[in-house]
Structures are given as C-alpha cells and as structure tokens.
PDB file of N, CA and C in Angstrom:
ATOM      1  N   MET A   1     -13.005  33.573  -7.074  1.00  0.00           N
ATOM      2  CA  MET A   1     -12.613  32.384  -6.344  1.00  0.00           C
ATOM      3  C   MET A   1     -13.844  31.598  -5.897  1.00  0.00           C
ATOM      4  N   THR A   2     -14.849  32.297  -5.394  1.00  0.00           N
ATOM      5  CA  THR A   2     -16.058  31.642  -4.915  1.00  0.00           C
ATOM      6  C   THR A   2     -16.817  30.987  -6.054  1.00  0.00           C
ATOM      7  N   VAL A   3     -16.825  31.604  -7.219  1.00  0.00           N
ATOM      8  CA  VAL A   3     -17.509  31.039  -8.377  1.00  0.00           C
ATOM      9  C   VAL A   3     -16.831  29.747  -8.813  1.00  0.00           C
ATOM     10  N   ALA A   4     -15.508  29.714  -8.777  1.00  0.00           N
ATOM     11  CA  ALA A   4     -14.774  28.509  -9.159  1.00  0.00           C
ATOM     12  C   ALA A   4     -15.066  27.370  -8.195  1.00  0.00           C
ATOM     13  N   ILE A   5     -15.131  27.667  -6.914  1.00  0.00           N
ATOM     14  CA  ILE A   5     -15.442  26.632  -5.921  1.00  0.00           C
ATOM     15  C   ILE A   5     -16.864  26.125  -6.117  1.00  0.00           C
ATOM     16  N   LEU A   6     -17.788  27.014  -6.398  1.00  0.00           N
ATOM     17  CA  LEU A   6     -19.170  26.623  -6.635  1.00  0.00           C
ATOM     18  C   LEU A   6     -19.284  25.741  -7.873  1.00  0.00           C
ATOM     19  N   LYS A   7     -18.578  26.095  -8.951  1.00  0.00           N
ATOM     20  CA  LYS A   7     -18.589  25.285 -10.165  1.00  0.00           C
ATOM     21  C   LYS A   7     -18.022  23.897  -9.898  1.00  0.00           C
ATOM     22  N   THR A   8     -16.954  23.842  -9.119  1.00  0.00           N
ATOM     23  CA  THR A   8     -16.343  22.560  -8.792  1.00  0.00           C
ATOM     24  C   THR A   8     -17.295  21.685  -7.993  1.00  0.00           C
ATOM     25  N   CYS A   9     -17.946  22.266  -7.003  1.00  0.00           N
ATOM     26  CA  CYS A   9     -18.911  21.506  -6.191  1.00  0.00           C
ATOM     27  C   CYS A   9     -20.080  21.032  -7.043  1.00  0.00           C
ATOM     28  N   ASN A  10     -20.552  21.873  -7.957  1.00  0.00           N
ATOM     29  CA  ASN A  10     -21.635  21.481  -8.849  1.00  0.00           C
ATOM     30  C   ASN A  10     -21.217  20.317  -9.732  1.00  0.00           C
ATOM     31  N   PHE A  11     -19.978  20.351 -10.248  1.00  0.00           N
ATOM     32  CA  PHE A  11     -19.496  19.273 -11.101  1.00  0.00           C
ATOM     33  C   PHE A  11     -19.436  17.961 -10.337  1.00  0.00           C
ATOM     34  N   TYR A  12     -18.913  17.984  -9.122  1.00  0.00           N
ATOM     35  CA  TYR A  12     -18.791  16.747  -8.352  1.00  0.00           C
ATOM     36  C   TYR A  12     -20.157  16.212  -7.945  1.00  0.00           C
ATOM     37  N   GLY A  13     -21.070  17.096  -7.607  1.00  0.00           N
ATOM     38  CA  GLY A  13     -22.428  16.657  -7.310  1.00  0.00           C
ATOM     39  C   GLY A  13     -23.095  16.052  -8.527  1.00  0.00           C
ATOM     40  N   TYR A  14     -22.927  16.692  -9.685  1.00  0.00           N
ATOM     41  CA  TYR A  14     -23.478  16.167 -10.931  1.00  0.00           C
ATOM     42  C   TYR A  14     -22.868  14.812 -11.262  1.00  0.00           C
ATOM     43  N   ALA A  15     -21.558  14.679 -11.086  1.00  0.00           N
ATOM     44  CA  ALA A  15     -20.884  13.421 -11.407  1.00  0.00           C
ATOM     45  C   ALA A  15     -21.385  12.286 -10.534  1.00  0.00           C
ATOM     46  N   VAL A  16     -21.538  12.524  -9.246  1.00  0.00           N
ATOM     47  CA  VAL A  16     -22.020  11.473  -8.341  1.00  0.00           C
ATOM     48  C   VAL A  16     -23.435  11.050  -8.730  1.00  0.00           C
ATOM     49  N   ILE A  17     -24.293  12.006  -9.014  1.00  0.00           N
ATOM     50  CA  ILE A  17     -25.673  11.682  -9.386  1.00  0.00           C
ATOM     51  C   ILE A  17     -25.708  10.913 -10.696  1.00  0.00           C
ATOM     52  N   GLN A  18     -24.934  11.346 -11.692  1.00  0.00           N
ATOM     53  CA  GLN A  18     -24.916  10.653 -12.977  1.00  0.00           C
ATOM     54  C   GLN A  18     -24.354   9.236 -12.854  1.00  0.00           C
ATOM     55  N   ILE A  19     -23.337   9.051 -12.036  1.00  0.00           N
ATOM     56  CA  ILE A  19     -22.766   7.709 -11.856  1.00  0.00           C
ATOM     57  C   ILE A  19     -23.801   6.787 -11.216  1.00  0.00           C
ATOM     58  N   LEU A  20     -24.573   7.300 -10.284  1.00  0.00           N
ATOM     59  CA  LEU A  20     -25.577   6.471  -9.615  1.00  0.00           C
ATOM     60  C   LEU A  20     -26.797   6.208 -10.484  1.00  0.00           C
ATOM     61  N   ILE A  21     -27.225   7.198 -11.272  1.00  0.00           N
ATOM     62  CA  ILE A  21     -28.458   7.062 -12.053  1.00  0.00           C
ATOM     63  C   ILE A  21     -28.205   6.445 -13.426  1.00  0.00           C
ATOM     64  N   GLU A  22     -27.245   6.989 -14.177  1.00  0.00           N
ATOM     65  CA  GLU A  22     -26.976   6.534 -15.543  1.00  0.00           C
ATOM     66  C   GLU A  22     -25.481   6.287 -15.753  1.00  0.00           C
ATOM     67  N   PRO A  23     -24.935   5.210 -15.184  1.00  0.00           N
ATOM     68  CA  PRO A  23     -23.495   4.994 -15.308  1.00  0.00           C
ATOM     69  C   PRO A  23     -23.038   4.747 -16.748  1.00  0.00           C
ATOM     70  N   LYS A  24     -23.845   4.067 -17.551  1.00  0.00           N
ATOM     71  CA  LYS A  24     -23.448   3.794 -18.940  1.00  0.00           C
ATOM     72  C   LYS A  24     -23.291   5.099 -19.725  1.00  0.00           C
ATOM     73  N   ARG A  25     -24.238   5.980 -19.579  1.00  0.00           N
ATOM     74  CA  ARG A  25     -24.175   7.265 -20.273  1.00  0.00           C
ATOM     75  C   ARG A  25     -22.999   8.105 -19.764  1.00  0.00           C
ATOM     76  N   PHE A  26     -22.809   8.123 -18.436  1.00  0.00           N
ATOM     77  CA  PHE A  26     -21.727   8.919 -17.857  1.00  0.00           C
ATOM     78  C   PHE A  26     -20.369   8.453 -18.384  1.00  0.00           C
ATOM     79  N   PHE A  27     -20.126   7.147 -18.357  1.00  0.00           N
ATOM     80  CA  PHE A  27     -18.823   6.653 -18.781  1.00  0.00           C
ATOM     81  C   PHE A  27     -18.646   6.692 -20.299  1.00  0.00           C
ATOM     82  N   SER A  28     -19.731   6.682 -21.059  1.00  0.00           N
ATOM     83  CA  SER A  28     -19.585   6.830 -22.513  1.00  0.00           C
ATOM     84  C   SER A  28     -19.248   8.270 -22.888  1.00  0.00           C
ATOM     85  N   GLU A  29     -19.695   9.235 -22.088  1.00  0.00           N
ATOM     86  CA  GLU A  29     -19.379  10.645 -22.332  1.00  0.00           C
ATOM     87  C   GLU A  29     -18.085  11.078 -21.652  1.00  0.00           C
ATOM     88  N   LEU A  30     -17.504  10.219 -20.846  1.00  0.00           N
ATOM     89  CA  LEU A  30     -16.334  10.566 -20.042  1.00  0.00           C
ATOM     90  C   LEU A  30     -15.154  11.079 -20.861  1.00  0.00           C
ATOM     91  N   PRO A  31     -14.778  10.464 -21.983  1.00  0.00           N
ATOM     92  CA  PRO A  31     -13.608  10.967 -22.717  1.00  0.00           C
ATOM     93  C   PRO A  31     -13.757  12.408 -23.211  1.00  0.00           C
ATOM     94  N   ASP A  32     -14.984  12.840 -23.454  1.00  0.00           N
ATOM     95  CA  ASP A  32     -15.203  14.186 -23.979  1.00  0.00           C
ATOM     96  C   ASP A  32     -15.292  15.253 -22.890  1.00  0.00           C
ATOM     97  N   THR A  33     -15.581  14.836 -21.658  1.00  0.00           N
ATOM     98  CA  THR A  33     -15.897  15.832 -20.639  1.00  0.00           C
ATOM     99  C   THR A  33     -14.899  15.927 -19.496  1.00  0.00           C
ATOM    100  N   THR A  34     -13.923  15.056 -19.423  1.00  0.00           N
ATOM    101  CA  THR A  34     -13.064  15.063 -18.248  1.00  0.00           C
ATOM    102  C   THR A  34     -11.589  15.188 -18.606  1.00  0.00           C
ATOM    103  N   THR A  35     -10.823  15.564 -17.612  1.00  0.00           N
ATOM    104  CA  THR A  35      -9.372  15.631 -17.727  1.00  0.00           C
ATOM    105  C   THR A  35      -8.771  14.838 -16.575  1.00  0.00           C
ATOM    106  N   PHE A  36      -7.470  14.683 -16.587  1.00  0.00           N
ATOM    107  CA  PHE A  36      -6.785  13.966 -15.520  1.00  0.00           C
ATOM    108  C   PHE A  36      -7.023  14.656 -14.182  1.00  0.00           C
ATOM    109  N   PHE A  37      -6.971  15.984 -14.174  1.00  0.00           N
ATOM    110  CA  PHE A  37      -7.109  16.712 -12.913  1.00  0.00           C
ATOM    111  C   PHE A  37      -8.531  16.674 -12.370  1.00  0.00           C
ATOM    112  N   LYS A  38      -9.537  16.648 -13.239  1.00  0.00           N
ATOM    113  CA  LYS A  38     -10.911  16.492 -12.769  1.00  0.00           C
ATOM    114  C   LYS A  38     -11.101  15.116 -12.140  1.00  0.00           C
ATOM    115  N   SER A  39     -10.533  14.094 -12.773  1.00  0.00           N
ATOM    116  CA  SER A  39     -10.630  12.739 -12.225  1.00  0.00           C
ATOM    117  C   SER A  39      -9.908  12.644 -10.894  1.00  0.00           C
ATOM    118  N   LEU A  40      -8.728  13.239 -10.822  1.00  0.00           N
ATOM    119  CA  LEU A  40      -7.965  13.234  -9.580  1.00  0.00           C
ATOM    120  C   LEU A  40      -8.713  13.993  -8.484  1.00  0.00           C
ATOM    121  N   GLY A  41      -9.282  15.126  -8.824  1.00  0.00           N
ATOM    122  CA  GLY A  41     -10.054  15.906  -7.860  1.00  0.00           C
ATOM    123  C   GLY A  41     -11.269  15.142  -7.352  1.00  0.00           C
ATOM    124  N   PHE A  42     -11.951  14.452  -8.259  1.00  0.00           N
ATOM    125  CA  PHE A  42     -13.105  13.657  -7.852  1.00  0.00           C
ATOM    126  C   PHE A  42     -12.672  12.534  -6.916  1.00  0.00           C
ATOM    127  N   CYS A  43     -11.573  11.889  -7.248  1.00  0.00           N
ATOM    128  CA  CYS A  43     -11.047  10.807  -6.417  1.00  0.00           C
ATOM    129  C   CYS A  43     -10.653  11.329  -5.028  1.00  0.00           C
ATOM    130  N   LEU A  44      -9.999  12.471  -4.981  1.00  0.00           N
ATOM    131  CA  LEU A  44      -9.614  13.058  -3.692  1.00  0.00           C
ATOM    132  C   LEU A  44     -10.831  13.476  -2.875  1.00  0.00           C
ATOM    133  N   ALA A  45     -11.839  14.046  -3.535  1.00  0.00           N
ATOM    134  CA  ALA A  45     -13.053  14.448  -2.824  1.00  0.00           C
ATOM    135  C   ALA A  45     -13.763  13.233  -2.231  1.00  0.00           C
ATOM    136  N   CYS A  46     -13.845  12.157  -2.991  1.00  0.00           N
ATOM    137  CA  CYS A  46     -14.464  10.938  -2.464  1.00  0.00           C
ATOM    138  C   CYS A  46     -13.642  10.357  -1.321  1.00  0.00           C
ATOM    139  N   GLY A  47     -12.317  10.444  -1.429  1.00  0.00           N
ATOM    140  CA  GLY A  47     -11.456   9.980  -0.350  1.00  0.00           C
ATOM    141  C   GLY A  47     -11.638  10.787   0.923  1.00  0.00           C
ATOM    142  N   ILE A  48     -11.851  12.089   0.782  1.00  0.00           N
ATOM    143  CA  ILE A  48     -12.085  12.944   1.947  1.00  0.00           C
ATOM    144  C   ILE A  48     -13.421  12.608   2.607  1.00  0.00           C
ATOM    145  N   PHE A  49     -14.464  12.404   1.795  1.00  0.00           N
ATOM    146  CA  PHE A  49     -15.756  12.004   2.369  1.00  0.00           C
ATOM    147  C   PHE A  49     -15.648  10.658   3.082  1.00  0.00           C
ATOM    148  N   TYR A  50     -14.929   9.737   2.473  1.00  0.00           N
ATOM    149  CA  TYR A  50     -14.735   8.412   3.062  1.00  0.00           C
ATOM    150  C   TYR A  50     -13.982   8.519   4.385  1.00  0.00           C
ATOM    151  N   SER A  51     -12.946   9.330   4.409  1.00  0.00           N
ATOM    152  CA  SER A  51     -12.182   9.528   5.647  1.00  0.00           C
ATOM    153  C   SER A  51     -13.034  10.187   6.723  1.00  0.00           C
ATOM    154  N   GLY A  52     -13.878  11.123   6.321  1.00  0.00           N
ATOM    155  CA  GLY A  52     -14.784  11.752   7.278  1.00  0.00           C
ATOM    156  C   GLY A  52     -15.757  10.753   7.881  1.00  0.00           C
ATOM    157  N   ALA A  53     -16.247   9.845   7.060  1.00  0.00           N
ATOM    158  CA  ALA A  53     -17.142   8.807   7.579  1.00  0.00           C
ATOM    159  C   ALA A  53     -16.404   7.893   8.553  1.00  0.00           C
ATOM    160  N   ILE A  54     -15.141   7.612   8.257  1.00  0.00           N
ATOM    161  CA  ILE A  54     -14.339   6.793   9.171  1.00  0.00           C
ATOM    162  C   ILE A  54     -14.151   7.528  10.500  1.00  0.00           C
ATOM    163  N   LEU A  55     -13.893   8.830  10.429  1.00  0.00           N
ATOM    164  CA  LEU A  55     -13.729   9.614  11.663  1.00  0.00           C
ATOM    165  C   LEU A  55     -14.985   9.565  12.536  1.00  0.00           C
ATOM    166  N   LEU A  56     -16.141   9.583  11.895  1.00  0.00           N
ATOM    167  CA  LEU A  56     -17.390   9.592  12.649  1.00  0.00           C
ATOM    168  C   LEU A  56     -17.759   8.226  13.226  1.00  0.00           C
ATOM    169  N   THR A  57     -17.265   7.160  12.593  1.00  0.00           N
ATOM    170  CA  THR A  57     -17.714   5.829  13.003  1.00  0.00           C
ATOM    171  C   THR A  57     -16.650   4.978  13.678  1.00  0.00           C
ATOM    172  N   THR A  58     -15.404   5.415  13.690  1.00  0.00           N
ATOM    173  CA  THR A  58     -14.351   4.578  14.258  1.00  0.00           C
ATOM    174  C   THR A  58     -14.380   4.591  15.776  1.00  0.00           C
ATOM    175  N   THR A  59     -13.955   3.480  16.333  1.00  0.00           N
ATOM    176  CA  THR A  59     -13.864   3.383  17.790  1.00  0.00           C
ATOM    177  C   THR A  59     -12.422   3.180  18.241  1.00  0.00           C
ATOM    178  N   SER A  60     -11.485   3.361  17.322  1.00  0.00           N
ATOM    179  CA  SER A  60     -10.080   3.172  17.682  1.00  0.00           C
ATOM    180  C   SER A  60      -9.585   4.354  18.513  1.00  0.00           C
ATOM    181  N   GLY A  61      -8.437   4.169  19.139  1.00  0.00           N
ATOM    182  CA  GLY A  61      -7.868   5.223  19.973  1.00  0.00           C
ATOM    183  C   GLY A  61      -7.244   6.346  19.172  1.00  0.00           C
ATOM    184  N   THR A  62      -6.934   6.098  17.920  1.00  0.00           N
ATOM    185  CA  THR A  62      -6.316   7.110  17.051  1.00  0.00           C
ATOM    186  C   THR A  62      -7.158   7.281  15.789  1.00  0.00           C
ATOM    187  N   PRO A  63      -8.261   8.033  15.876  1.00  0.00           N
ATOM    188  CA  PRO A  63      -9.165   8.138  14.722  1.00  0.00           C
ATOM    189  C   PRO A  63      -8.545   8.856  13.523  1.00  0.00           C
ATOM    190  N   PHE A  64      -7.706   9.868  13.745  1.00  0.00           N
ATOM    191  CA  PHE A  64      -7.117  10.587  12.613  1.00  0.00           C
ATOM    192  C   PHE A  64      -6.102   9.726  11.876  1.00  0.00           C
ATOM    193  N   GLN A  65      -5.368   8.930  12.609  1.00  0.00           N
ATOM    194  CA  GLN A  65      -4.423   8.015  11.971  1.00  0.00           C
ATOM    195  C   GLN A  65      -5.183   6.959  11.157  1.00  0.00           C
ATOM    196  N   THR A  66      -6.253   6.444  11.713  1.00  0.00           N
ATOM    197  CA  THR A  66      -7.066   5.464  11.000  1.00  0.00           C
ATOM    198  C   THR A  66      -7.674   6.074   9.741  1.00  0.00           C
ATOM    199  N   ALA A  67      -8.209   7.280   9.850  1.00  0.00           N
ATOM    200  CA  ALA A  67      -8.820   7.938   8.695  1.00  0.00           C
ATOM    201  C   ALA A  67      -7.788   8.239   7.622  1.00  0.00           C
ATOM    202  N   SER A  68      -6.579   8.644   8.013  1.00  0.00           N
ATOM    203  CA  SER A  68      -5.550   8.929   7.009  1.00  0.00           C
ATOM    204  C   SER A  68      -5.091   7.650   6.317  1.00  0.00           C
ATOM    205  N   ILE A  69      -5.046   6.546   7.033  1.00  0.00           N
ATOM    206  CA  ILE A  69      -4.687   5.271   6.402  1.00  0.00           C
ATOM    207  C   ILE A  69      -5.757   4.867   5.391  1.00  0.00           C
ATOM    208  N   PHE A  70      -7.015   5.017   5.753  1.00  0.00           N
ATOM    209  CA  PHE A  70      -8.091   4.684   4.826  1.00  0.00           C
ATOM    210  C   PHE A  70      -8.093   5.613   3.616  1.00  0.00           C
ATOM    211  N   PHE A  71      -7.789   6.896   3.824  1.00  0.00           N
ATOM    212  CA  PHE A  71      -7.713   7.845   2.710  1.00  0.00           C
ATOM    213  C   PHE A  71      -6.600   7.451   1.744  1.00  0.00           C
ATOM    214  N   LEU A  72      -5.418   7.197   2.266  1.00  0.00           N
ATOM    215  CA  LEU A  72      -4.294   6.802   1.406  1.00  0.00           C
ATOM    216  C   LEU A  72      -4.573   5.481   0.703  1.00  0.00           C
ATOM    217  N   ASN A  73      -5.235   4.565   1.391  1.00  0.00           N
ATOM    218  CA  ASN A  73      -5.584   3.292   0.767  1.00  0.00           C
ATOM    219  C   ASN A  73      -6.568   3.505  -0.384  1.00  0.00           C
ATOM    220  N   GLY A  74      -7.583   4.304  -0.161  1.00  0.00           N
ATOM    221  CA  GLY A  74      -8.584   4.537  -1.198  1.00  0.00           C
ATOM    222  C   GLY A  74      -8.011   5.224  -2.421  1.00  0.00           C
ATOM    223  N   VAL A  75      -7.248   6.271  -2.217  1.00  0.00           N
ATOM    224  CA  VAL A  75      -6.660   7.004  -3.341  1.00  0.00           C
ATOM    225  C   VAL A  75      -5.530   6.202  -3.971  1.00  0.00           C
ATOM    226  N   GLY A  76      -4.730   5.541  -3.151  1.00  0.00           N
ATOM    227  CA  GLY A  76      -3.617   4.750  -3.673  1.00  0.00           C
ATOM    228  C   GLY A  76      -4.071   3.592  -4.539  1.00  0.00           C
ATOM    229  N   MET A  77      -5.171   2.963  -4.163  1.00  0.00           N
ATOM    230  CA  MET A  77      -5.668   1.841  -4.957  1.00  0.00           C
ATOM    231  C   MET A  77      -6.142   2.292  -6.336  1.00  0.00           C
ATOM    232  N   VAL A  78      -6.612   3.510  -6.443  1.00  0.00           N
ATOM    233  CA  VAL A  78      -7.003   4.032  -7.759  1.00  0.00           C
ATOM    234  C   VAL A  78      -5.767   4.139  -8.653  1.00  0.00           C
ATOM    235  N   PHE A  79      -4.666   4.649  -8.100  1.00  0.00           N
ATOM    236  CA  PHE A  79      -3.438   4.759  -8.883  1.00  0.00           C
ATOM    237  C   PHE A  79      -2.893   3.384  -9.250  1.00  0.00           C
ATOM    238  N   ILE A  80      -2.909   2.457  -8.305  1.00  0.00           N
ATOM    239  CA  ILE A  80      -2.382   1.114  -8.576  1.00  0.00           C
ATOM    240  C   ILE A  80      -3.234   0.399  -9.621  1.00  0.00           C
ATOM    241  N   SER A  81      -4.541   0.430  -9.460  1.00  0.00           N
ATOM    242  CA  SER A  81      -5.408  -0.279 -10.407  1.00  0.00           C
ATOM    243  C   SER A  81      -5.375   0.352 -11.798  1.00  0.00           C
ATOM    244  N   SER A  82      -5.326   1.669 -11.873  1.00  0.00           N
ATOM    245  CA  SER A  82      -5.262   2.293 -13.197  1.00  0.00           C
ATOM    246  C   SER A  82      -3.899   2.049 -13.848  1.00  0.00           C
ATOM    247  N   GLY A  83      -2.842   2.031 -13.056  1.00  0.00           N
ATOM    248  CA  GLY A  83      -1.519   1.721 -13.612  1.00  0.00           C
ATOM    249  C   GLY A  83      -1.442   0.298 -14.143  1.00  0.00           C
ATOM    250  N   LEU A  84      -1.966  -0.650 -13.383  1.00  0.00           N
ATOM    251  CA  LEU A  84      -1.959  -2.043 -13.843  1.00  0.00           C
ATOM    252  C   LEU A  84      -2.855  -2.224 -15.070  1.00  0.00           C
ATOM    253  N   SER A  85      -4.001  -1.569 -15.082  1.00  0.00           N
ATOM    254  CA  SER A  85      -4.888  -1.657 -16.248  1.00  0.00           C
ATOM    255  C   SER A  85      -4.238  -1.059 -17.486  1.00  0.00           C
ATOM    256  N   TYR A  86      -3.571   0.064 -17.305  1.00  0.00           N
ATOM    257  CA  TYR A  86      -2.906   0.706 -18.432  1.00  0.00           C
ATOM    258  C   TYR A  86      -1.783  -0.182 -18.971  1.00  0.00           C
ATOM    259  N   MET A  87      -1.002  -0.785 -18.072  1.00  0.00           N
ATOM    260  CA  MET A  87       0.071  -1.678 -18.521  1.00  0.00           C
ATOM    261  C   MET A  87      -0.489  -2.877 -19.267  1.00  0.00           C
ATOM    262  N   ALA A  88      -1.575  -3.462 -18.753  1.00  0.00           N
ATOM    263  CA  ALA A  88      -2.184  -4.601 -19.435  1.00  0.00           C
ATOM    264  C   ALA A  88      -2.725  -4.197 -20.801  1.00  0.00           C
ATOM    265  N   MET A  89      -3.300  -3.010 -20.890  1.00  0.00           N
ATOM    266  CA  MET A  89      -3.830  -2.546 -22.162  1.00  0.00           C
ATOM    267  C   MET A  89      -2.713  -2.304 -23.167  1.00  0.00           C
ATOM    268  N   VAL A  90      -1.620  -1.709 -22.725  1.00  0.00           N
ATOM    269  CA  VAL A  90      -0.498  -1.441 -23.631  1.00  0.00           C
ATOM    270  C   VAL A  90       0.112  -2.760 -24.118  1.00  0.00           C
ATOM    271  N   ILE A  91       0.218  -3.737 -23.237  1.00  0.00           N
ATOM    272  CA  ILE A  91       0.790  -5.024 -23.629  1.00  0.00           C
ATOM    273  C   ILE A  91      -0.092  -5.735 -24.644  1.00  0.00           C
ATOM    274  N   THR A  92      -1.412  -5.684 -24.457  1.00  0.00           N
ATOM    275  CA  THR A  92      -2.308  -6.428 -25.336  1.00  0.00           C
ATOM    276  C   THR A  92      -2.752  -5.654 -26.570  1.00  0.00           C
ATOM    277  N   LEU A  93      -3.060  -4.378 -26.438  1.00  0.00           N
ATOM    278  CA  LEU A  93      -3.624  -3.613 -27.545  1.00  0.00           C
ATOM    279  C   LEU A  93      -2.693  -2.555 -28.120  1.00  0.00           C
ATOM    280  N   GLY A  94      -1.627  -2.256 -27.435  1.00  0.00           N
ATOM    281  CA  GLY A  94      -0.777  -1.150 -27.845  1.00  0.00           C
ATOM    282  C   GLY A  94      -1.242   0.130 -27.165  1.00  0.00           C
ATOM    283  N   LYS A  95      -0.596   1.216 -27.502  1.00  0.00           N
ATOM    284  CA  LYS A  95      -0.881   2.501 -26.844  1.00  0.00           C
ATOM    285  C   LYS A  95      -1.977   3.250 -27.597  1.00  0.00           C
ATOM    286  N   LYS A  96      -3.204   2.745 -27.495  1.00  0.00           N
ATOM    287  CA  LYS A  96      -4.320   3.359 -28.207  1.00  0.00           C
ATOM    288  C   LYS A  96      -5.034   4.424 -27.395  1.00  0.00           C
ATOM    289  N   VAL A  97      -4.987   4.289 -26.090  1.00  0.00           N
ATOM    290  CA  VAL A  97      -5.720   5.189 -25.199  1.00  0.00           C
ATOM    291  C   VAL A  97      -4.728   5.813 -24.232  1.00  0.00           C
ATOM    292  N   PRO A  98      -4.810   7.123 -23.990  1.00  0.00           N
ATOM    293  CA  PRO A  98      -3.879   7.748 -23.030  1.00  0.00           C
ATOM    294  C   PRO A  98      -4.177   7.323 -21.593  1.00  0.00           C
ATOM    295  N   PHE A  99      -3.166   7.438 -20.742  1.00  0.00           N
ATOM    296  CA  PHE A  99      -3.311   7.054 -19.338  1.00  0.00           C
ATOM    297  C   PHE A  99      -4.388   7.870 -18.650  1.00  0.00           C
ATOM    298  N   SER A 100      -4.553   9.117 -19.034  1.00  0.00           N
ATOM    299  CA  SER A 100      -5.548   9.966 -18.365  1.00  0.00           C
ATOM    300  C   SER A 100      -6.956   9.408 -18.515  1.00  0.00           C
ATOM    301  N   ARG A 101      -7.256   8.783 -19.636  1.00  0.00           N
ATOM    302  CA  ARG A 101      -8.582   8.208 -19.834  1.00  0.00           C
ATOM    303  C   ARG A 101      -8.772   6.967 -18.957  1.00  0.00           C
ATOM    304  N   VAL A 102      -7.738   6.131 -18.874  1.00  0.00           N
ATOM    305  CA  VAL A 102      -7.813   4.946 -18.017  1.00  0.00           C
ATOM    306  C   VAL A 102      -7.941   5.383 -16.560  1.00  0.00           C
ATOM    307  N   PHE A 103      -7.153   6.387 -16.167  1.00  0.00           N
ATOM    308  CA  PHE A 103      -7.245   6.897 -14.806  1.00  0.00           C
ATOM    309  C   PHE A 103      -8.619   7.486 -14.531  1.00  0.00           C
ATOM    310  N   GLY A 104      -9.193   8.134 -15.517  1.00  0.00           N
ATOM    311  CA  GLY A 104     -10.533   8.718 -15.353  1.00  0.00           C
ATOM    312  C   GLY A 104     -11.571   7.665 -15.032  1.00  0.00           C
ATOM    313  N   VAL A 105     -11.527   6.550 -15.739  1.00  0.00           N
ATOM    314  CA  VAL A 105     -12.481   5.472 -15.477  1.00  0.00           C
ATOM    315  C   VAL A 105     -12.309   4.942 -14.062  1.00  0.00           C
ATOM    316  N   HIS A 106     -11.076   4.698 -13.672  1.00  0.00           N
ATOM    317  CA  HIS A 106     -10.817   4.179 -12.314  1.00  0.00           C
ATOM    318  C   HIS A 106     -11.105   5.245 -11.248  1.00  0.00           C
ATOM    319  N   GLY A 107     -10.772   6.484 -11.528  1.00  0.00           N
ATOM    320  CA  GLY A 107     -10.995   7.553 -10.554  1.00  0.00           C
ATOM    321  C   GLY A 107     -12.473   7.785 -10.276  1.00  0.00           C
ATOM    322  N   TYR A 108     -13.307   7.704 -11.289  1.00  0.00           N
ATOM    323  CA  TYR A 108     -14.729   7.904 -11.087  1.00  0.00           C
ATOM    324  C   TYR A 108     -15.417   6.633 -10.582  1.00  0.00           C
ATOM    325  N   SER A 109     -14.781   5.511 -10.778  1.00  0.00           N
ATOM    326  CA  SER A 109     -15.386   4.259 -10.299  1.00  0.00           C
ATOM    327  C   SER A 109     -15.199   4.129  -8.815  1.00  0.00           C
TER     328      SER A 109
END
C-alpha cells in the first residue's frame, strides 16, 4: 500500500514539473502515458491543493464551505470544458479521439 502511494505521489510531482518545464513534450507524450483515472486523480489532487490554499488565505466566516465551493468549481469546470470540447470535436471532426484523451488534456491543464 505504501509503495503504491509513493508511486502516485512521484507521478504527480513528475507531472507538475514536466507541465511547468516542458509542456509541449508532456502533452505530446500524454496519449501514451495516461489514463482517464490518472487524469482524474491529478485533477482531484490539484483541486485539494487549491482548496487548502483557500483555507489558509480566506477571511470569510465559513472557510470550509468556501474551500469546498472552490474545489467543486475547479473540478467541475474541467468536466464541463472537456465535455464541451469533446462535443465540438465530434460535431466537426467525428469521433476520432476518445473522451479520455480530451479529458486528459483538460485535467492536466
């Protein structure tokens, strides 16, 4: 169990560094290296970090409610934007690329 958690943390750390340093290379290799669940996990991890930052910096009377709203907004927008992008792609180009690949691009972005 501990090895799996360590591997997951290493992957997310590697992904963040690669996105910041070499985004073109990272996204060109994305179809070969990722799955829907890895993209979803990365998106959730970033949402948790974002919510944690909100908890530390908010001055509202209900910090947990504010952080949960920001978390749902961040993760929800990934689903909405990838769904709209996928629909636009299917309408214009046909079903050439699976939804998981479109979600991966939006999830890592």
